[in-house]
Amino acid sequence: MMAEKIYNIGVEATMDVIGGKWKPIILCNLRYASLRPSDLKRKIPDISQKMLTQQLRELEKDNIVSREVYQQVPPKVEYSLSDYGKSLTAVLDILCDWGEAHVKHLVQNGESIILRCE
């Protein structure tokens, strides 16, 4: 029998699933399109292949992303937000918008920052 989890506030449950350095970045990249692991690696150059694989597996286990394997040679795998994961889209949009506004704020205050947006 599993131990009962206790959350003191709803955001704890959210962060339990999407928290950490890489998961929100992965999810933001999957908001509008399915991507192959190599595409995600290209969009997130600072993540190691091992970490990317681990984070994708955890998100898949939590039913946030779906993994589709195409039976072809060479094998092709794509990740996308699951239907359940799509319920995070509004949250992810707000996080991305806030981050862009924050970068503008920092630049206005004299910081040298580059924000690479596609």
PDB file of N, CA and C in Angstrom:
ATOM      1  N   MET A   1       0.837  -1.174   0.000  1.00  0.00           N
ATOM      2  CA  MET A   1       0.000   0.000   0.000  1.00  0.00           C
ATOM      3  C   MET A   1       0.892   1.251   0.000  1.00  0.00           C
ATOM      4  N   MET A   2       0.517   2.217  -0.839  1.00  0.00           N
ATOM      5  CA  MET A   2       1.310   3.446  -0.930  1.00  0.00           C
ATOM      6  C   MET A   2       0.962   4.382   0.215  1.00  0.00           C
ATOM      7  N   ALA A   3       1.970   5.148   0.634  1.00  0.00           N
ATOM      8  CA  ALA A   3       1.743   6.140   1.682  1.00  0.00           C
ATOM      9  C   ALA A   3       0.850   7.253   1.133  1.00  0.00           C
ATOM     10  N   GLU A   4       0.011   7.778   1.975  1.00  0.00           N
ATOM     11  CA  GLU A   4      -0.880   8.850   1.585  1.00  0.00           C
ATOM     12  C   GLU A   4      -0.076  10.128   1.369  1.00  0.00           C
ATOM     13  N   LYS A   5      -0.311  10.802   0.233  1.00  0.00           N
ATOM     14  CA  LYS A   5       0.351  12.074  -0.029  1.00  0.00           C
ATOM     15  C   LYS A   5      -0.501  13.182   0.559  1.00  0.00           C
ATOM     16  N   ILE A   6       0.157  14.155   1.121  1.00  0.00           N
ATOM     17  CA  ILE A   6      -0.536  15.306   1.675  1.00  0.00           C
ATOM     18  C   ILE A   6       0.038  16.559   1.036  1.00  0.00           C
ATOM     19  N   TYR A   7      -0.839  17.371   0.465  1.00  0.00           N
ATOM     20  CA  TYR A   7      -0.450  18.668  -0.081  1.00  0.00           C
ATOM     21  C   TYR A   7      -1.106  19.736   0.785  1.00  0.00           C
ATOM     22  N   ASN A   8      -0.361  20.764   1.099  1.00  0.00           N
ATOM     23  CA  ASN A   8      -0.881  21.847   1.925  1.00  0.00           C
ATOM     24  C   ASN A   8      -1.534  22.949   1.113  1.00  0.00           C
ATOM     25  N   ILE A   9      -1.241  22.972  -0.181  1.00  0.00           N
ATOM     26  CA  ILE A   9      -1.813  23.971  -1.086  1.00  0.00           C
ATOM     27  C   ILE A   9      -1.755  23.377  -2.493  1.00  0.00           C
ATOM     28  N   GLY A  10      -2.703  23.758  -3.332  1.00  0.00           N
ATOM     29  CA  GLY A  10      -2.811  23.153  -4.658  1.00  0.00           C
ATOM     30  C   GLY A  10      -1.562  23.249  -5.506  1.00  0.00           C
ATOM     31  N   VAL A  11      -0.822  24.348  -5.380  1.00  0.00           N
ATOM     32  CA  VAL A  11       0.373  24.512  -6.203  1.00  0.00           C
ATOM     33  C   VAL A  11       1.416  23.428  -5.901  1.00  0.00           C
ATOM     34  N   GLU A  12       1.386  22.863  -4.714  1.00  0.00           N
ATOM     35  CA  GLU A  12       2.305  21.759  -4.399  1.00  0.00           C
ATOM     36  C   GLU A  12       2.039  20.558  -5.296  1.00  0.00           C
ATOM     37  N   ALA A  13       0.756  20.265  -5.532  1.00  0.00           N
ATOM     38  CA  ALA A  13       0.399  19.145  -6.402  1.00  0.00           C
ATOM     39  C   ALA A  13       0.845  19.432  -7.837  1.00  0.00           C
ATOM     40  N   THR A  14       0.689  20.678  -8.273  1.00  0.00           N
ATOM     41  CA  THR A  14       1.127  21.069  -9.618  1.00  0.00           C
ATOM     42  C   THR A  14       2.635  20.905  -9.748  1.00  0.00           C
ATOM     43  N   MET A  15       3.363  21.453  -8.769  1.00  0.00           N
ATOM     44  CA  MET A  15       4.824  21.405  -8.837  1.00  0.00           C
ATOM     45  C   MET A  15       5.352  19.984  -8.682  1.00  0.00           C
ATOM     46  N   ASP A  16       4.601  19.132  -8.027  1.00  0.00           N
ATOM     47  CA  ASP A  16       4.992  17.731  -7.891  1.00  0.00           C
ATOM     48  C   ASP A  16       5.072  17.065  -9.264  1.00  0.00           C
ATOM     49  N   VAL A  17       4.227  17.523 -10.187  1.00  0.00           N
ATOM     50  CA  VAL A  17       4.180  16.934 -11.524  1.00  0.00           C
ATOM     51  C   VAL A  17       5.045  17.700 -12.523  1.00  0.00           C
ATOM     52  N   ILE A  18       4.999  19.033 -12.502  1.00  0.00           N
ATOM     53  CA  ILE A  18       5.700  19.799 -13.540  1.00  0.00           C
ATOM     54  C   ILE A  18       6.865  20.610 -12.997  1.00  0.00           C
ATOM     55  N   GLY A  19       7.230  20.405 -11.744  1.00  0.00           N
ATOM     56  CA  GLY A  19       8.292  21.195 -11.137  1.00  0.00           C
ATOM     57  C   GLY A  19       9.669  20.811 -11.621  1.00  0.00           C
ATOM     58  N   GLY A  20      10.627  21.624 -11.268  1.00  0.00           N
ATOM     59  CA  GLY A  20      12.010  21.377 -11.640  1.00  0.00           C
ATOM     60  C   GLY A  20      12.445  22.322 -12.747  1.00  0.00           C
ATOM     61  N   LYS A  21      13.679  22.194 -13.127  1.00  0.00           N
ATOM     62  CA  LYS A  21      14.258  23.090 -14.126  1.00  0.00           C
ATOM     63  C   LYS A  21      13.762  22.783 -15.535  1.00  0.00           C
ATOM     64  N   TRP A  22      13.607  21.506 -15.873  1.00  0.00           N
ATOM     65  CA  TRP A  22      13.413  21.128 -17.267  1.00  0.00           C
ATOM     66  C   TRP A  22      11.979  20.866 -17.679  1.00  0.00           C
ATOM     67  N   LYS A  23      11.145  20.341 -16.801  1.00  0.00           N
ATOM     68  CA  LYS A  23       9.792  19.954 -17.220  1.00  0.00           C
ATOM     69  C   LYS A  23       8.971  21.111 -17.784  1.00  0.00           C
ATOM     70  N   PRO A  24       8.944  22.274 -17.135  1.00  0.00           N
ATOM     71  CA  PRO A  24       8.164  23.370 -17.735  1.00  0.00           C
ATOM     72  C   PRO A  24       8.691  23.776 -19.108  1.00  0.00           C
ATOM     73  N   ILE A  25      10.005  23.717 -19.294  1.00  0.00           N
ATOM     74  CA  ILE A  25      10.598  24.086 -20.584  1.00  0.00           C
ATOM     75  C   ILE A  25      10.205  23.065 -21.649  1.00  0.00           C
ATOM     76  N   ILE A  26      10.264  21.799 -21.307  1.00  0.00           N
ATOM     77  CA  ILE A  26       9.836  20.740 -22.233  1.00  0.00           C
ATOM     78  C   ILE A  26       8.376  20.943 -22.596  1.00  0.00           C
ATOM     79  N   LEU A  27       7.533  21.158 -21.588  1.00  0.00           N
ATOM     80  CA  LEU A  27       6.098  21.302 -21.828  1.00  0.00           C
ATOM     81  C   LEU A  27       5.777  22.529 -22.666  1.00  0.00           C
ATOM     82  N   CYS A  28       6.460  23.639 -22.423  1.00  0.00           N
ATOM     83  CA  CYS A  28       6.231  24.840 -23.236  1.00  0.00           C
ATOM     84  C   CYS A  28       6.579  24.583 -24.696  1.00  0.00           C
ATOM     85  N   ASN A  29       7.605  23.789 -24.935  1.00  0.00           N
ATOM     86  CA  ASN A  29       7.977  23.459 -26.310  1.00  0.00           C
ATOM     87  C   ASN A  29       6.992  22.510 -26.976  1.00  0.00           C
ATOM     88  N   LEU A  30       6.227  21.767 -26.189  1.00  0.00           N
ATOM     89  CA  LEU A  30       5.250  20.815 -26.742  1.00  0.00           C
ATOM     90  C   LEU A  30       3.839  21.395 -26.823  1.00  0.00           C
ATOM     91  N   ARG A  31       3.651  22.650 -26.438  1.00  0.00           N
ATOM     92  CA  ARG A  31       2.304  23.224 -26.389  1.00  0.00           C
ATOM     93  C   ARG A  31       1.575  23.161 -27.718  1.00  0.00           C
ATOM     94  N   TYR A  32       2.276  23.416 -28.812  1.00  0.00           N
ATOM     95  CA  TYR A  32       1.579  23.579 -30.094  1.00  0.00           C
ATOM     96  C   TYR A  32       1.951  22.549 -31.147  1.00  0.00           C
ATOM     97  N   ALA A  33       2.897  21.669 -30.827  1.00  0.00           N
ATOM     98  CA  ALA A  33       3.314  20.702 -31.844  1.00  0.00           C
ATOM     99  C   ALA A  33       3.941  19.478 -31.192  1.00  0.00           C
ATOM    100  N   SER A  34       3.785  18.354 -31.859  1.00  0.00           N
ATOM    101  CA  SER A  34       4.490  17.136 -31.467  1.00  0.00           C
ATOM    102  C   SER A  34       5.939  17.288 -31.908  1.00  0.00           C
ATOM    103  N   LEU A  35       6.850  16.795 -31.075  1.00  0.00           N
ATOM    104  CA  LEU A  35       8.261  16.913 -31.403  1.00  0.00           C
ATOM    105  C   LEU A  35       8.996  15.609 -31.150  1.00  0.00           C
ATOM    106  N   ARG A  36       9.982  15.371 -31.964  1.00  0.00           N
ATOM    107  CA  ARG A  36      10.877  14.240 -31.750  1.00  0.00           C
ATOM    108  C   ARG A  36      11.869  14.640 -30.665  1.00  0.00           C
ATOM    109  N   PRO A  37      12.438  13.645 -29.981  1.00  0.00           N
ATOM    110  CA  PRO A  37      13.438  13.971 -28.951  1.00  0.00           C
ATOM    111  C   PRO A  37      14.581  14.833 -29.494  1.00  0.00           C
ATOM    112  N   SER A  38      15.003  14.586 -30.719  1.00  0.00           N
ATOM    113  CA  SER A  38      16.095  15.386 -31.296  1.00  0.00           C
ATOM    114  C   SER A  38      15.663  16.843 -31.484  1.00  0.00           C
ATOM    115  N   ASP A  39      14.390  17.064 -31.814  1.00  0.00           N
ATOM    116  CA  ASP A  39      13.878  18.433 -31.949  1.00  0.00           C
ATOM    117  C   ASP A  39      13.877  19.129 -30.588  1.00  0.00           C
ATOM    118  N   LEU A  40      13.435  18.412 -29.557  1.00  0.00           N
ATOM    119  CA  LEU A  40      13.434  18.981 -28.208  1.00  0.00           C
ATOM    120  C   LEU A  40      14.857  19.305 -27.767  1.00  0.00           C
ATOM    121  N   LYS A  41      15.781  18.410 -28.054  1.00  0.00           N
ATOM    122  CA  LYS A  41      17.185  18.631 -27.680  1.00  0.00           C
ATOM    123  C   LYS A  41      17.730  19.879 -28.366  1.00  0.00           C
ATOM    124  N   ARG A  42      17.359  20.091 -29.616  1.00  0.00           N
ATOM    125  CA  ARG A  42      17.797  21.270 -30.362  1.00  0.00           C
ATOM    126  C   ARG A  42      17.193  22.547 -29.760  1.00  0.00           C
ATOM    127  N   LYS A  43      15.943  22.472 -29.321  1.00  0.00           N
ATOM    128  CA  LYS A  43      15.269  23.640 -28.744  1.00  0.00           C
ATOM    129  C   LYS A  43      15.726  23.917 -27.311  1.00  0.00           C
ATOM    130  N   ILE A  44      16.264  22.885 -26.643  1.00  0.00           N
ATOM    131  CA  ILE A  44      16.725  23.015 -25.259  1.00  0.00           C
ATOM    132  C   ILE A  44      18.186  22.545 -25.217  1.00  0.00           C
ATOM    133  N   PRO A  45      19.095  23.324 -25.771  1.00  0.00           N
ATOM    134  CA  PRO A  45      20.474  22.844 -25.941  1.00  0.00           C
ATOM    135  C   PRO A  45      21.216  22.540 -24.642  1.00  0.00           C
ATOM    136  N   ASP A  46      20.816  23.136 -23.529  1.00  0.00           N
ATOM    137  CA  ASP A  46      21.551  22.918 -22.278  1.00  0.00           C
ATOM    138  C   ASP A  46      21.158  21.638 -21.538  1.00  0.00           C
ATOM    139  N   ILE A  47      20.115  20.955 -21.987  1.00  0.00           N
ATOM    140  CA  ILE A  47      19.698  19.716 -21.321  1.00  0.00           C
ATOM    141  C   ILE A  47      20.494  18.542 -21.891  1.00  0.00           C
ATOM    142  N   SER A  48      20.912  17.640 -21.021  1.00  0.00           N
ATOM    143  CA  SER A  48      21.618  16.448 -21.509  1.00  0.00           C
ATOM    144  C   SER A  48      20.591  15.464 -22.073  1.00  0.00           C
ATOM    145  N   GLN A  49      21.057  14.592 -22.945  1.00  0.00           N
ATOM    146  CA  GLN A  49      20.158  13.589 -23.528  1.00  0.00           C
ATOM    147  C   GLN A  49      19.564  12.706 -22.424  1.00  0.00           C
ATOM    148  N   LYS A  50      20.397  12.349 -21.460  1.00  0.00           N
ATOM    149  CA  LYS A  50      19.944  11.504 -20.354  1.00  0.00           C
ATOM    150  C   LYS A  50      18.836  12.198 -19.560  1.00  0.00           C
ATOM    151  N   MET A  51      19.010  13.478 -19.257  1.00  0.00           N
ATOM    152  CA  MET A  51      18.020  14.224 -18.494  1.00  0.00           C
ATOM    153  C   MET A  51      16.735  14.398 -19.300  1.00  0.00           C
ATOM    154  N   LEU A  52      16.861  14.685 -20.593  1.00  0.00           N
ATOM    155  CA  LEU A  52      15.683  14.825 -21.446  1.00  0.00           C
ATOM    156  C   LEU A  52      14.871  13.535 -21.445  1.00  0.00           C
ATOM    157  N   THR A  53      15.541  12.417 -21.616  1.00  0.00           N
ATOM    158  CA  THR A  53      14.863  11.120 -21.620  1.00  0.00           C
ATOM    159  C   THR A  53      14.179  10.864 -20.282  1.00  0.00           C
ATOM    160  N   GLN A  54      14.867  11.142 -19.192  1.00  0.00           N
ATOM    161  CA  GLN A  54      14.306  10.926 -17.852  1.00  0.00           C
ATOM    162  C   GLN A  54      13.063  11.786 -17.634  1.00  0.00           C
ATOM    163  N   GLN A  55      13.163  13.069 -18.005  1.00  0.00           N
ATOM    164  CA  GLN A  55      12.036  13.979 -17.790  1.00  0.00           C
ATOM    165  C   GLN A  55      10.841  13.593 -18.652  1.00  0.00           C
ATOM    166  N   LEU A  56      11.089  13.199 -19.888  1.00  0.00           N
ATOM    167  CA  LEU A  56       9.992  12.757 -20.762  1.00  0.00           C
ATOM    168  C   LEU A  56       9.319  11.507 -20.204  1.00  0.00           C
ATOM    169  N   ARG A  57      10.113  10.580 -19.689  1.00  0.00           N
ATOM    170  CA  ARG A  57       9.530   9.367 -19.098  1.00  0.00           C
ATOM    171  C   ARG A  57       8.656   9.692 -17.895  1.00  0.00           C
ATOM    172  N   GLU A  58       9.120  10.613 -17.046  1.00  0.00           N
ATOM    173  CA  GLU A  58       8.327  11.001 -15.870  1.00  0.00           C
ATOM    174  C   GLU A  58       7.031  11.693 -16.291  1.00  0.00           C
ATOM    175  N   LEU A  59       7.114  12.574 -17.284  1.00  0.00           N
ATOM    176  CA  LEU A  59       5.910  13.251 -17.761  1.00  0.00           C
ATOM    177  C   LEU A  59       4.944  12.270 -18.415  1.00  0.00           C
ATOM    178  N   GLU A  60       5.483  11.271 -19.087  1.00  0.00           N
ATOM    179  CA  GLU A  60       4.637  10.237 -19.683  1.00  0.00           C
ATOM    180  C   GLU A  60       3.968   9.400 -18.587  1.00  0.00           C
ATOM    181  N   LYS A  61       4.723   9.054 -17.556  1.00  0.00           N
ATOM    182  CA  LYS A  61       4.177   8.276 -16.434  1.00  0.00           C
ATOM    183  C   LYS A  61       3.030   9.029 -15.753  1.00  0.00           C
ATOM    184  N   ASP A  62       3.159  10.359 -15.681  1.00  0.00           N
ATOM    185  CA  ASP A  62       2.127  11.185 -15.054  1.00  0.00           C
ATOM    186  C   ASP A  62       1.002  11.557 -16.022  1.00  0.00           C
ATOM    187  N   ASN A  63       1.033  10.987 -17.235  1.00  0.00           N
ATOM    188  CA  ASN A  63       0.001  11.197 -18.254  1.00  0.00           C
ATOM    189  C   ASN A  63      -0.058  12.651 -18.731  1.00  0.00           C
ATOM    190  N   ILE A  64       1.063  13.349 -18.682  1.00  0.00           N
ATOM    191  CA  ILE A  64       1.123  14.730 -19.149  1.00  0.00           C
ATOM    192  C   ILE A  64       1.537  14.766 -20.619  1.00  0.00           C
ATOM    193  N   VAL A  65       2.423  13.872 -21.013  1.00  0.00           N
ATOM    194  CA  VAL A  65       2.796  13.768 -22.424  1.00  0.00           C
ATOM    195  C   VAL A  65       2.469  12.375 -22.944  1.00  0.00           C
ATOM    196  N   SER A  66       2.261  12.316 -24.247  1.00  0.00           N
ATOM    197  CA  SER A  66       2.042  11.049 -24.940  1.00  0.00           C
ATOM    198  C   SER A  66       3.245  10.770 -25.820  1.00  0.00           C
ATOM    199  N   ARG A  67       3.601   9.514 -25.888  1.00  0.00           N
ATOM    200  CA  ARG A  67       4.729   9.066 -26.717  1.00  0.00           C
ATOM    201  C   ARG A  67       4.165   8.217 -27.829  1.00  0.00           C
ATOM    202  N   GLU A  68       4.444   8.605 -29.065  1.00  0.00           N
ATOM    203  CA  GLU A  68       3.979   7.820 -30.197  1.00  0.00           C
ATOM    204  C   GLU A  68       5.180   7.271 -30.946  1.00  0.00           C
ATOM    205  N   VAL A  69       5.178   5.953 -31.134  1.00  0.00           N
ATOM    206  CA  VAL A  69       6.257   5.275 -31.849  1.00  0.00           C
ATOM    207  C   VAL A  69       5.727   4.871 -33.217  1.00  0.00           C
ATOM    208  N   TYR A  70       6.421   5.309 -34.257  1.00  0.00           N
ATOM    209  CA  TYR A  70       6.045   4.970 -35.629  1.00  0.00           C
ATOM    210  C   TYR A  70       6.866   3.759 -36.062  1.00  0.00           C
ATOM    211  N   GLN A  71       6.186   2.752 -36.570  1.00  0.00           N
ATOM    212  CA  GLN A  71       6.853   1.525 -37.003  1.00  0.00           C
ATOM    213  C   GLN A  71       7.448   1.742 -38.394  1.00  0.00           C
ATOM    214  N   GLN A  72       8.671   2.212 -38.396  1.00  0.00           N
ATOM    215  CA  GLN A  72       9.385   2.456 -39.639  1.00  0.00           C
ATOM    216  C   GLN A  72      10.872   2.293 -39.370  1.00  0.00           C
ATOM    217  N   VAL A  73      11.652   2.309 -40.443  1.00  0.00           N
ATOM    218  CA  VAL A  73      13.099   2.215 -40.307  1.00  0.00           C
ATOM    219  C   VAL A  73      13.701   3.479 -40.899  1.00  0.00           C
ATOM    220  N   PRO A  74      14.491   4.237 -40.138  1.00  0.00           N
ATOM    221  CA  PRO A  74      14.759   4.051 -38.715  1.00  0.00           C
ATOM    222  C   PRO A  74      13.531   4.396 -37.875  1.00  0.00           C
ATOM    223  N   PRO A  75      13.480   3.886 -36.637  1.00  0.00           N
ATOM    224  CA  PRO A  75      12.322   4.144 -35.775  1.00  0.00           C
ATOM    225  C   PRO A  75      12.138   5.645 -35.540  1.00  0.00           C
ATOM    226  N   LYS A  76      10.896   6.032 -35.439  1.00  0.00           N
ATOM    227  CA  LYS A  76      10.577   7.443 -35.197  1.00  0.00           C
ATOM    228  C   LYS A  76       9.700   7.527 -33.962  1.00  0.00           C
ATOM    229  N   VAL A  77      10.057   8.428 -33.040  1.00  0.00           N
ATOM    230  CA  VAL A  77       9.293   8.643 -31.814  1.00  0.00           C
ATOM    231  C   VAL A  77       8.953  10.124 -31.732  1.00  0.00           C
ATOM    232  N   GLU A  78       7.706  10.425 -31.390  1.00  0.00           N
ATOM    233  CA  GLU A  78       7.291  11.806 -31.187  1.00  0.00           C
ATOM    234  C   GLU A  78       6.584  11.934 -29.847  1.00  0.00           C
ATOM    235  N   TYR A  79       6.790  13.077 -29.217  1.00  0.00           N
ATOM    236  CA  TYR A  79       6.111  13.397 -27.959  1.00  0.00           C
ATOM    237  C   TYR A  79       5.169  14.567 -28.192  1.00  0.00           C
ATOM    238  N   SER A  80       4.040  14.522 -27.509  1.00  0.00           N
ATOM    239  CA  SER A  80       3.070  15.603 -27.570  1.00  0.00           C
ATOM    240  C   SER A  80       2.381  15.691 -26.219  1.00  0.00           C
ATOM    241  N   LEU A  81       1.701  16.801 -25.990  1.00  0.00           N
ATOM    242  CA  LEU A  81       0.889  16.886 -24.774  1.00  0.00           C
ATOM    243  C   LEU A  81      -0.275  15.915 -24.909  1.00  0.00           C
ATOM    244  N   SER A  82      -0.532  15.164 -23.866  1.00  0.00           N
ATOM    245  CA  SER A  82      -1.707  14.295 -23.846  1.00  0.00           C
ATOM    246  C   SER A  82      -2.944  15.182 -23.707  1.00  0.00           C
ATOM    247  N   ASP A  83      -4.113  14.602 -23.841  1.00  0.00           N
ATOM    248  CA  ASP A  83      -5.335  15.385 -23.616  1.00  0.00           C
ATOM    249  C   ASP A  83      -5.322  15.973 -22.211  1.00  0.00           C
ATOM    250  N   TYR A  84      -4.894  15.177 -21.240  1.00  0.00           N
ATOM    251  CA  TYR A  84      -4.801  15.666 -19.861  1.00  0.00           C
ATOM    252  C   TYR A  84      -3.735  16.759 -19.753  1.00  0.00           C
ATOM    253  N   GLY A  85      -2.601  16.561 -20.413  1.00  0.00           N
ATOM    254  CA  GLY A  85      -1.527  17.548 -20.391  1.00  0.00           C
ATOM    255  C   GLY A  85      -1.941  18.877 -21.011  1.00  0.00           C
ATOM    256  N   LYS A  86      -2.853  18.812 -22.001  1.00  0.00           N
ATOM    257  CA  LYS A  86      -3.328  20.051 -22.631  1.00  0.00           C
ATOM    258  C   LYS A  86      -4.066  20.941 -21.638  1.00  0.00           C
ATOM    259  N   SER A  87      -4.525  20.365 -20.532  1.00  0.00           N
ATOM    260  CA  SER A  87      -5.185  21.191 -19.512  1.00  0.00           C
ATOM    261  C   SER A  87      -4.186  22.148 -18.851  1.00  0.00           C
ATOM    262  N   LEU A  88      -2.894  21.938 -19.061  1.00  0.00           N
ATOM    263  CA  LEU A  88      -1.861  22.830 -18.536  1.00  0.00           C
ATOM    264  C   LEU A  88      -1.530  23.986 -19.480  1.00  0.00           C
ATOM    265  N   THR A  89      -2.115  24.006 -20.670  1.00  0.00           N
ATOM    266  CA  THR A  89      -1.744  25.002 -21.677  1.00  0.00           C
ATOM    267  C   THR A  89      -1.887  26.426 -21.158  1.00  0.00           C
ATOM    268  N   ALA A  90      -2.987  26.744 -20.499  1.00  0.00           N
ATOM    269  CA  ALA A  90      -3.191  28.109 -19.998  1.00  0.00           C
ATOM    270  C   ALA A  90      -2.115  28.468 -18.965  1.00  0.00           C
ATOM    271  N   VAL A  91      -1.788  27.515 -18.100  1.00  0.00           N
ATOM    272  CA  VAL A  91      -0.750  27.745 -17.093  1.00  0.00           C
ATOM    273  C   VAL A  91       0.596  27.984 -17.771  1.00  0.00           C
ATOM    274  N   LEU A  92       0.915  27.174 -18.766  1.00  0.00           N
ATOM    275  CA  LEU A  92       2.187  27.308 -19.478  1.00  0.00           C
ATOM    276  C   LEU A  92       2.254  28.635 -20.235  1.00  0.00           C
ATOM    277  N   ASP A  93       1.135  29.028 -20.864  1.00  0.00           N
ATOM    278  CA  ASP A  93       1.098  30.312 -21.570  1.00  0.00           C
ATOM    279  C   ASP A  93       1.385  31.458 -20.605  1.00  0.00           C
ATOM    280  N   ILE A  94       0.775  31.421 -19.440  1.00  0.00           N
ATOM    281  CA  ILE A  94       0.977  32.479 -18.449  1.00  0.00           C
ATOM    282  C   ILE A  94       2.429  32.500 -17.973  1.00  0.00           C
ATOM    283  N   LEU A  95       3.010  31.322 -17.730  1.00  0.00           N
ATOM    284  CA  LEU A  95       4.418  31.270 -17.321  1.00  0.00           C
ATOM    285  C   LEU A  95       5.327  31.865 -18.397  1.00  0.00           C
ATOM    286  N   CYS A  96       5.077  31.518 -19.659  1.00  0.00           N
ATOM    287  CA  CYS A  96       5.903  32.042 -20.752  1.00  0.00           C
ATOM    288  C   CYS A  96       5.721  33.547 -20.893  1.00  0.00           C
ATOM    289  N   ASP A  97       4.481  34.020 -20.834  1.00  0.00           N
ATOM    290  CA  ASP A  97       4.214  35.462 -20.951  1.00  0.00           C
ATOM    291  C   ASP A  97       4.889  36.227 -19.815  1.00  0.00           C
ATOM    292  N   TRP A  98       4.781  35.706 -18.603  1.00  0.00           N
ATOM    293  CA  TRP A  98       5.388  36.378 -17.456  1.00  0.00           C
ATOM    294  C   TRP A  98       6.910  36.422 -17.620  1.00  0.00           C
ATOM    295  N   GLY A  99       7.479  35.321 -18.077  1.00  0.00           N
ATOM    296  CA  GLY A  99       8.929  35.279 -18.278  1.00  0.00           C
ATOM    297  C   GLY A  99       9.397  36.308 -19.295  1.00  0.00           C
ATOM    298  N   GLU A 100       8.653  36.463 -20.395  1.00  0.00           N
ATOM    299  CA  GLU A 100       9.007  37.451 -21.404  1.00  0.00           C
ATOM    300  C   GLU A 100       8.913  38.870 -20.822  1.00  0.00           C
ATOM    301  N   ALA A 101       7.860  39.130 -20.059  1.00  0.00           N
ATOM    302  CA  ALA A 101       7.701  40.445 -19.421  1.00  0.00           C
ATOM    303  C   ALA A 101       8.823  40.689 -18.403  1.00  0.00           C
ATOM    304  N   HIS A 102       9.200  39.646 -17.690  1.00  0.00           N
ATOM    305  CA  HIS A 102      10.271  39.761 -16.696  1.00  0.00           C
ATOM    306  C   HIS A 102      11.602  40.096 -17.360  1.00  0.00           C
ATOM    307  N   VAL A 103      11.887  39.456 -18.490  1.00  0.00           N
ATOM    308  CA  VAL A 103      13.118  39.750 -19.222  1.00  0.00           C
ATOM    309  C   VAL A 103      13.120  41.212 -19.667  1.00  0.00           C
ATOM    310  N   LYS A 104      11.988  41.692 -20.193  1.00  0.00           N
ATOM    311  CA  LYS A 104      11.898  43.106 -20.590  1.00  0.00           C
ATOM    312  C   LYS A 104      12.162  44.017 -19.397  1.00  0.00           C
ATOM    313  N   HIS A 105      11.607  43.676 -18.260  1.00  0.00           N
ATOM    314  CA  HIS A 105      11.809  44.452 -17.027  1.00  0.00           C
ATOM    315  C   HIS A 105      13.293  44.491 -16.655  1.00  0.00           C
ATOM    316  N   LEU A 106      13.939  43.345 -16.711  1.00  0.00           N
ATOM    317  CA  LEU A 106      15.356  43.279 -16.369  1.00  0.00           C
ATOM    318  C   LEU A 106      16.209  44.089 -17.341  1.00  0.00           C
ATOM    319  N   VAL A 107      15.889  44.006 -18.639  1.00  0.00           N
ATOM    320  CA  VAL A 107      16.630  44.754 -19.656  1.00  0.00           C
ATOM    321  C   VAL A 107      16.444  46.254 -19.424  1.00  0.00           C
ATOM    322  N   GLN A 108      15.226  46.657 -19.103  1.00  0.00           N
ATOM    323  CA  GLN A 108      14.963  48.077 -18.827  1.00  0.00           C
ATOM    324  C   GLN A 108      15.760  48.571 -17.618  1.00  0.00           C
ATOM    325  N   ASN A 109      16.094  47.648 -16.735  1.00  0.00           N
ATOM    326  CA  ASN A 109      16.876  47.998 -15.555  1.00  0.00           C
ATOM    327  C   ASN A 109      18.378  47.768 -15.769  1.00  0.00           C
ATOM    328  N   GLY A 110      18.785  47.664 -17.029  1.00  0.00           N
ATOM    329  CA  GLY A 110      20.200  47.647 -17.352  1.00  0.00           C
ATOM    330  C   GLY A 110      20.860  46.287 -17.456  1.00  0.00           C
ATOM    331  N   GLU A 111      20.122  45.204 -17.280  1.00  0.00           N
ATOM    332  CA  GLU A 111      20.745  43.879 -17.382  1.00  0.00           C
ATOM    333  C   GLU A 111      20.882  43.479 -18.845  1.00  0.00           C
ATOM    334  N   SER A 112      21.935  42.769 -19.135  1.00  0.00           N
ATOM    335  CA  SER A 112      22.186  42.281 -20.491  1.00  0.00           C
ATOM    336  C   SER A 112      21.657  40.843 -20.591  1.00  0.00           C
ATOM    337  N   ILE A 113      20.543  40.697 -21.287  1.00  0.00           N
ATOM    338  CA  ILE A 113      19.880  39.392 -21.395  1.00  0.00           C
ATOM    339  C   ILE A 113      19.460  39.178 -22.836  1.00  0.00           C
ATOM    340  N   ILE A 114      19.603  37.962 -23.305  1.00  0.00           N
ATOM    341  CA  ILE A 114      19.110  37.592 -24.620  1.00  0.00           C
ATOM    342  C   ILE A 114      17.991  36.575 -24.424  1.00  0.00           C
ATOM    343  N   LEU A 115      16.848  36.822 -25.043  1.00  0.00           N
ATOM    344  CA  LEU A 115      15.731  35.885 -25.026  1.00  0.00           C
ATOM    345  C   LEU A 115      15.541  35.394 -26.445  1.00  0.00           C
ATOM    346  N   ARG A 116      15.847  34.130 -26.681  1.00  0.00           N
ATOM    347  CA  ARG A 116      15.712  33.544 -28.017  1.00  0.00           C
ATOM    348  C   ARG A 116      14.299  33.005 -28.155  1.00  0.00           C
ATOM    349  N   CYS A 117      13.506  33.652 -28.934  1.00  0.00           N
ATOM    350  CA  CYS A 117      12.139  33.180 -29.192  1.00  0.00           C
ATOM    351  C   CYS A 117      12.017  32.909 -30.672  1.00  0.00           C
ATOM    352  N   GLU A 118      11.274  31.870 -30.986  1.00  0.00           N
ATOM    353  CA  GLU A 118      11.049  31.540 -32.392  1.00  0.00           C
ATOM    354  C   GLU A 118       9.790  32.210 -32.874  1.00  0.00           C
TER     355      GLU A 118
END
